[in-house]
Amino acid sequence: MSEKSTTVVVLAGGLSHERDVSLRSGRRIGALLADAGYDVQLCDVDATLLERLREIQPDVVWPLVHGSAGEDGSLQDLLQLLNLPFVGTDADGARLASRKSVSKSVLKANNIPTPEFALLPQALFRQLGASGILAAVRDSLGLPLVVKPDDGGSALGVSLVTEEADLPSAMVSCFAYSDYALIERAVDGVEIAVSVVDTGSGPTALPPVEIRTEGTYDYDARYNAGRCEYFTPARLSEEQRSLVCQTAEKVHQVVGLRHLSRIDMILDELTPWVIDINVAPGMTETSLFPQAVAASDGPSVYSDVVRLALNEGSVH
C-alpha cells in the first residue's frame, strides 16, 4: 500500500492535564505525515471518537495522547479491541511504563540504575497523618528528594525538595495530579534524553539530547522557548555516549516497548540513572524526540514507524 492510499488517524487531545501539548504534538506529526504523502486525519479523543473511526476506517492509528488514558494502556487496549494497527507500544508495555513505580521495579530487577524510591498513596496520609510519614521519608531517603506523580508526564506536579520544610507543599502539588506520590532520592548529573526507534531490526538509540535549564526542568521550561538550552548530540565522551545509548536500548527491550520511546536519565559520571520512560513522547517543536530525529536520519523515521505498524497489522 502506497503512502497516498494510506489513511493515518492521529489521536490527540483528550481530557488529561497535558491536552494542549498533545494537540501540538498531533498537529506537528499530522503535518509531517501529510507532507510525506499520507492521508492524515486528526481526531480528538472524545465522545465522537468511535464514530469517527468507523467513518474513516483508518489503515493505521498514531495515538499521541499524553498522560492518563493515553499512555496507561487503556487507549492501546481499545485500539487492539477495534483491531486497528497503531504506532507505538502495545497495551501491556504501556501499562508497565506508565506507572513509574512499576517500571522502576522492572529496571531494578534487570540491574538498570534508577534512584531509590518510595510510593505513597494519598489515602495513607489521610489515615496515618503526614508528619510521621514524611519523617520516615526524610530519615530513609534523605535530602534532596524529587516528588512526582506515579503517572502522567510533562513534569506536572513534580518538585525538587532541598529543604525539609518544603516537603509538605511538594506532596500537595503532587496529589493535585495523582493519588499516588513517587518520592525518590535526587541524583546529580547531566540530564540526558535518549530517544529509541525500532523499525524491525531491534531498538536503536538516536543521538542523545542534553538538557540545560535555569531552575527545574518543569512544564514551562519544556514547552516555552528560552528557559532551556539543548545540545544534540549531548556533550559526552564516547564512553558516556555509548553507555546512555545502550542503557536506553536495554530499557526499551526489558519493558517491552515498541516502535519508539524516549528514556530520560541523569548521568552521574558513568552511572546512567533512569528517571522516566515515555511511550508517547512529545512531538512539539521544542520536544526532545524531534530534536534527536533531526540529528539522525531526519523525518523519514516518522514514515518508517507508520509503515512498520501497517505491515505488522493489529496486535493480539
Protein backbone atom coordinates (compact mmCIF):
# COMPACT_ATOMS: atom_id res chain seq x y z
CA MET A 1 0.00 0.00 0.00
CA SER A 2 1.48 3.37 -1.01
CA GLU A 3 1.57 6.44 1.20
CA LYS A 4 -1.02 8.16 -0.97
CA SER A 5 -3.55 5.40 -0.37
CA THR A 6 -2.75 5.01 3.34
CA THR A 7 -5.03 6.76 5.81
CA VAL A 8 -3.49 7.61 9.17
CA VAL A 9 -5.57 8.85 12.08
CA VAL A 10 -3.55 10.84 14.59
CA LEU A 11 -5.18 10.82 18.02
CA ALA A 12 -4.53 13.90 20.14
CA GLY A 13 -6.13 15.95 22.87
CA GLY A 14 -8.19 14.06 25.40
CA LEU A 15 -9.02 15.28 28.88
CA SER A 16 -5.67 14.94 30.66
CA HIS A 17 -3.66 17.85 32.06
CA GLU A 18 -1.42 17.51 29.01
CA ARG A 19 -4.18 18.14 26.45
CA ASP A 20 -2.58 21.25 24.94
CA VAL A 21 0.81 19.58 24.48
CA SER A 22 -0.90 16.55 22.94
CA LEU A 23 -2.74 18.72 20.40
CA ARG A 24 0.51 20.45 19.45
CA SER A 25 2.22 17.08 19.06
CA GLY A 26 -0.64 15.76 16.96
CA ARG A 27 -0.72 18.74 14.63
CA ARG A 28 3.02 18.56 14.05
CA ILE A 29 3.08 14.82 13.30
CA GLY A 30 -0.02 15.16 11.14
CA ALA A 31 1.70 17.85 9.05
CA LEU A 32 4.87 15.77 8.67
CA LEU A 33 2.93 12.69 7.54
CA ALA A 34 0.81 14.74 5.15
CA ASP A 35 3.99 16.15 3.61
CA ALA A 36 5.18 12.54 3.19
CA GLY A 37 2.07 11.75 1.18
CA TYR A 38 -0.24 10.14 3.73
CA ASP A 39 -3.94 10.91 4.01
CA VAL A 40 -3.98 12.23 7.58
CA GLN A 41 -6.98 12.80 9.84
CA LEU A 42 -6.51 14.43 13.25
CA CYS A 43 -9.06 13.22 15.81
CA ASP A 44 -9.68 14.39 19.35
CA VAL A 45 -10.21 11.70 21.98
CA ASP A 46 -13.78 12.49 22.98
CA ALA A 47 -17.28 11.02 22.81
CA THR A 48 -17.27 11.16 18.99
CA LEU A 49 -14.06 9.16 18.55
CA LEU A 50 -15.53 5.69 17.97
CA GLU A 51 -17.98 7.05 15.40
CA ARG A 52 -15.16 8.95 13.65
CA LEU A 53 -13.00 5.82 13.49
CA ARG A 54 -15.88 3.83 11.98
CA GLU A 55 -16.40 6.56 9.36
CA ILE A 56 -12.74 6.99 8.46
CA GLN A 57 -11.71 3.31 8.67
CA PRO A 58 -8.02 4.19 9.01
CA ASP A 59 -5.22 1.90 7.92
CA VAL A 60 -3.07 2.99 10.86
CA VAL A 61 -3.66 4.99 14.06
CA TRP A 62 -0.97 7.05 15.76
CA PRO A 63 -2.01 7.74 19.39
CA LEU A 64 -0.35 10.91 20.68
CA VAL A 65 -2.43 11.44 23.80
CA HIS A 66 -0.10 12.30 26.67
CA GLY A 67 -0.75 11.27 30.27
CA SER A 68 -3.50 9.20 31.91
CA ALA A 69 -5.54 7.14 29.42
CA GLY A 70 -3.20 8.00 26.55
CA GLU A 71 -0.20 6.19 28.00
CA ASP A 72 -1.52 3.78 30.64
CA GLY A 73 -2.52 1.07 28.17
CA SER A 74 -6.25 1.78 28.10
CA LEU A 75 -6.28 3.60 24.74
CA GLN A 76 -3.99 0.91 23.33
CA ASP A 77 -6.38 -1.75 24.64
CA LEU A 78 -9.24 -0.02 22.83
CA LEU A 79 -7.33 0.08 19.55
CA GLN A 80 -6.50 -3.60 19.92
CA LEU A 81 -10.18 -4.39 20.60
CA LEU A 82 -11.06 -2.48 17.42
CA ASN A 83 -8.41 -4.47 15.50
CA LEU A 84 -6.71 -1.26 14.36
CA PRO A 85 -2.95 -1.26 13.71
CA PHE A 86 -1.28 1.55 15.62
CA VAL A 87 2.09 3.19 16.11
CA GLY A 88 3.79 2.75 19.46
CA THR A 89 3.91 0.40 22.40
CA ASP A 90 1.14 -2.12 22.87
CA ALA A 91 -1.16 -2.15 25.90
CA ASP A 92 0.99 -4.44 28.05
CA GLY A 93 4.15 -2.40 27.58
CA ALA A 94 2.29 0.87 28.12
CA ARG A 95 0.88 -0.39 31.41
CA LEU A 96 4.37 -1.24 32.64
CA ALA A 97 5.90 2.06 31.55
CA SER A 98 3.17 4.45 32.64
CA ARG A 99 3.34 3.62 36.34
CA LYS A 100 6.75 4.92 37.34
CA SER A 101 6.91 2.73 40.44
CA VAL A 102 6.19 -0.41 38.39
CA SER A 103 8.68 0.42 35.65
CA LYS A 104 11.33 1.26 38.26
CA SER A 105 10.80 -2.17 39.80
CA VAL A 106 11.33 -3.73 36.36
CA LEU A 107 14.51 -1.69 35.96
CA LYS A 108 15.82 -2.81 39.35
CA ALA A 109 15.11 -6.44 38.50
CA ASN A 110 17.22 -6.04 35.36
CA ASN A 111 20.11 -4.23 37.11
CA ILE A 112 19.41 -0.92 35.40
CA PRO A 113 20.23 2.04 37.69
CA THR A 114 17.24 4.03 38.95
CA PRO A 115 17.11 6.21 42.07
CA GLU A 116 15.92 4.66 45.34
CA PHE A 117 12.26 5.47 45.91
CA ALA A 118 9.07 5.01 47.91
CA LEU A 119 5.50 5.00 46.60
CA LEU A 120 2.95 6.54 48.95
CA PRO A 121 -0.81 6.91 48.30
CA GLN A 122 -2.77 9.95 49.40
CA ALA A 123 -5.09 7.64 51.35
CA LEU A 124 -2.20 6.61 53.61
CA PHE A 125 -1.61 10.24 54.61
CA ARG A 126 -5.29 10.63 55.48
CA GLN A 127 -5.19 7.51 57.66
CA LEU A 128 -1.84 7.98 59.42
CA GLY A 129 -1.19 11.71 59.24
CA ALA A 130 1.55 13.40 57.26
CA SER A 131 4.17 14.24 59.88
CA GLY A 132 5.18 10.69 60.78
CA ILE A 133 5.25 9.53 57.17
CA LEU A 134 7.33 12.48 55.98
CA ALA A 135 9.75 11.98 58.88
CA ALA A 136 10.25 8.37 57.77
CA VAL A 137 10.84 9.55 54.20
CA ARG A 138 13.43 12.06 55.39
CA ASP A 139 15.23 9.55 57.60
CA SER A 140 15.35 6.83 54.95
CA LEU A 141 15.88 8.66 51.65
CA GLY A 142 17.48 11.86 52.94
CA LEU A 143 17.56 15.14 51.06
CA PRO A 144 17.37 16.33 48.35
CA LEU A 145 14.32 14.47 47.06
CA VAL A 146 12.18 14.54 43.95
CA VAL A 147 8.43 14.21 44.46
CA LYS A 148 6.37 13.31 41.40
CA PRO A 149 3.03 11.73 40.45
CA ASP A 150 3.29 8.00 39.84
CA ASP A 151 1.72 8.52 36.43
CA GLY A 152 1.47 11.38 33.95
CA GLY A 153 4.20 13.43 32.36
CA SER A 154 5.41 16.86 31.25
CA ALA A 155 6.78 17.38 34.80
CA LEU A 156 3.32 18.31 36.07
CA GLY A 157 3.20 18.03 39.86
CA VAL A 158 6.97 17.42 40.09
CA SER A 159 9.02 19.16 42.80
CA LEU A 160 12.67 19.14 43.76
CA VAL A 161 12.84 19.32 47.55
CA THR A 162 16.08 20.54 49.09
CA GLU A 163 14.68 21.70 52.45
CA GLU A 164 12.59 19.53 54.75
CA ALA A 165 10.12 22.38 55.28
CA ASP A 166 9.21 22.27 51.57
CA LEU A 167 8.26 18.58 51.58
CA PRO A 168 4.58 19.03 52.63
CA SER A 169 3.86 21.55 49.86
CA ALA A 170 5.56 19.25 47.33
CA MET A 171 3.20 16.46 48.38
CA VAL A 172 0.17 18.74 47.96
CA SER A 173 1.35 19.71 44.47
CA CYS A 174 1.87 16.07 43.54
CA PHE A 175 -1.52 14.93 44.83
CA ALA A 176 -3.20 17.54 42.65
CA TYR A 177 -2.28 15.30 39.69
CA SER A 178 -2.31 11.77 41.09
CA ASP A 179 -3.49 9.75 44.08
CA TYR A 180 -0.02 8.20 44.33
CA ALA A 181 3.23 10.04 45.02
CA LEU A 182 6.58 8.67 43.96
CA ILE A 183 9.31 10.04 46.20
CA GLU A 184 12.82 9.33 45.01
CA ARG A 185 16.32 10.28 46.03
CA ALA A 186 17.56 13.15 43.86
CA VAL A 187 20.74 12.47 41.91
CA ASP A 188 23.17 15.00 40.49
CA GLY A 189 24.48 14.88 36.99
CA VAL A 190 23.76 15.78 33.40
CA GLU A 191 20.14 15.45 32.28
CA ILE A 192 20.00 13.32 29.15
CA ALA A 193 17.10 12.17 26.97
CA VAL A 194 17.70 9.23 24.66
CA SER A 195 15.06 8.52 22.02
CA VAL A 196 14.84 4.97 20.72
CA VAL A 197 13.43 3.74 17.41
CA ASP A 198 12.77 0.13 16.45
CA THR A 199 11.69 -0.34 12.85
CA GLY A 200 12.02 -4.11 12.89
CA SER A 201 15.70 -4.83 13.48
CA GLY A 202 15.84 -4.14 17.21
CA PRO A 203 15.91 -0.94 19.28
CA THR A 204 18.36 1.72 18.10
CA ALA A 205 19.17 4.80 20.13
CA LEU A 206 19.13 8.16 18.35
CA PRO A 207 21.69 10.85 19.27
CA PRO A 208 21.29 11.73 22.97
CA VAL A 209 19.95 15.19 23.82
CA GLU A 210 21.49 17.10 26.74
CA ILE A 211 19.18 19.46 28.63
CA ARG A 212 20.48 22.52 30.45
CA THR A 213 17.94 24.70 32.19
CA GLU A 214 17.75 27.55 34.66
CA GLY A 215 15.92 26.10 37.63
CA THR A 216 13.78 22.97 37.39
CA TYR A 217 13.05 21.32 34.04
CA ASP A 218 9.33 21.86 34.61
CA TYR A 219 6.31 22.23 32.32
CA ASP A 220 7.08 25.85 31.44
CA ALA A 221 10.70 25.06 30.68
CA ARG A 222 9.74 22.16 28.43
CA TYR A 223 7.22 23.88 26.19
CA ASN A 224 8.12 27.56 26.17
CA ALA A 225 11.25 28.55 24.32
CA GLY A 226 14.02 30.33 26.17
CA ARG A 227 14.13 28.51 29.51
CA CYS A 228 16.26 25.63 28.27
CA GLU A 229 19.37 25.07 26.27
CA TYR A 230 19.66 21.81 24.33
CA PHE A 231 22.74 20.12 22.94
CA THR A 232 22.22 17.49 20.25
CA PRO A 233 24.19 15.35 20.30
CA ALA A 234 24.88 15.66 24.02
CA ARG A 235 28.34 16.82 25.09
CA LEU A 236 29.51 13.39 26.27
CA SER A 237 32.62 11.33 25.95
CA GLU A 238 32.41 8.37 23.61
CA GLU A 239 32.25 6.07 26.63
CA GLN A 240 29.40 8.06 28.18
CA ARG A 241 27.51 8.29 24.89
CA SER A 242 27.78 4.54 24.36
CA LEU A 243 26.64 3.90 27.93
CA VAL A 244 23.49 6.03 27.80
CA CYS A 245 22.54 4.67 24.37
CA GLN A 246 22.99 1.05 25.47
CA THR A 247 21.01 1.74 28.63
CA ALA A 248 18.11 3.28 26.68
CA GLU A 249 18.03 0.35 24.25
CA LYS A 250 18.01 -2.12 27.16
CA VAL A 251 15.17 -0.25 28.88
CA HIS A 252 13.15 -0.27 25.63
CA GLN A 253 13.67 -4.02 25.41
CA VAL A 254 13.10 -5.16 29.01
CA VAL A 255 9.96 -3.05 29.50
CA GLY A 256 8.54 -4.39 26.23
CA LEU A 257 8.27 -1.13 24.32
CA ARG A 258 7.56 -0.95 20.59
CA HIS A 259 8.40 1.27 17.61
CA LEU A 260 9.55 4.35 19.54
CA SER A 261 10.20 5.60 23.04
CA ARG A 262 12.15 8.18 24.98
CA ILE A 263 14.20 7.28 28.02
CA ASP A 264 15.10 10.11 30.39
CA MET A 265 18.10 9.77 32.65
CA ILE A 266 20.60 11.68 34.75
CA LEU A 267 24.19 10.75 34.00
CA ASP A 268 26.41 10.85 37.09
CA GLU A 269 29.89 10.25 35.67
CA LEU A 270 29.39 6.66 34.45
CA THR A 271 26.08 5.86 36.15
CA PRO A 272 23.02 6.44 33.92
CA TRP A 273 20.18 6.85 36.44
CA VAL A 274 16.91 6.21 34.58
CA ILE A 275 14.21 8.56 35.85
CA ASP A 276 11.38 8.25 33.34
CA ILE A 277 10.12 6.16 30.41
CA ASN A 278 7.90 7.69 27.71
CA VAL A 279 5.83 5.55 25.36
CA ALA A 280 4.19 8.56 23.67
CA PRO A 281 6.99 11.13 23.70
CA GLY A 282 6.13 14.72 22.92
CA MET A 283 6.38 15.75 19.29
CA THR A 284 6.10 19.54 19.58
CA GLU A 285 8.62 21.97 18.12
CA THR A 286 10.57 22.04 21.41
CA SER A 287 10.20 18.33 22.27
CA LEU A 288 13.21 16.08 22.69
CA PHE A 289 12.29 13.24 20.32
CA PRO A 290 12.09 15.52 17.24
CA GLN A 291 15.45 17.05 18.15
CA ALA A 292 17.02 13.60 18.21
CA VAL A 293 15.37 12.69 14.89
CA ALA A 294 16.67 15.89 13.28
CA ALA A 295 20.20 14.95 14.36
CA SER A 296 19.93 11.47 12.84
CA ASP A 297 18.07 10.34 9.73
CA GLY A 298 15.55 13.15 9.60
CA PRO A 299 11.77 12.93 9.27
CA SER A 300 11.82 9.57 7.44
CA VAL A 301 11.70 8.00 10.92
CA TYR A 302 8.05 9.01 11.22
CA SER A 303 7.09 7.33 7.94
CA ASP A 304 9.16 4.29 8.87
CA VAL A 305 7.18 3.59 12.06
CA VAL A 306 3.87 4.11 10.25
CA ARG A 307 4.88 1.58 7.59
CA LEU A 308 6.00 -0.84 10.29
CA ALA A 309 2.71 -0.57 12.17
CA LEU A 310 0.83 -1.11 8.90
CA ASN A 311 2.89 -4.16 7.99
CA GLU A 312 2.60 -5.69 11.44
CA GLY A 313 -1.16 -5.33 11.42
CA SER A 314 -3.19 -5.35 14.61
CA VAL A 315 -1.77 -6.72 17.85
CA HIS A 316 -3.49 -9.61 19.57
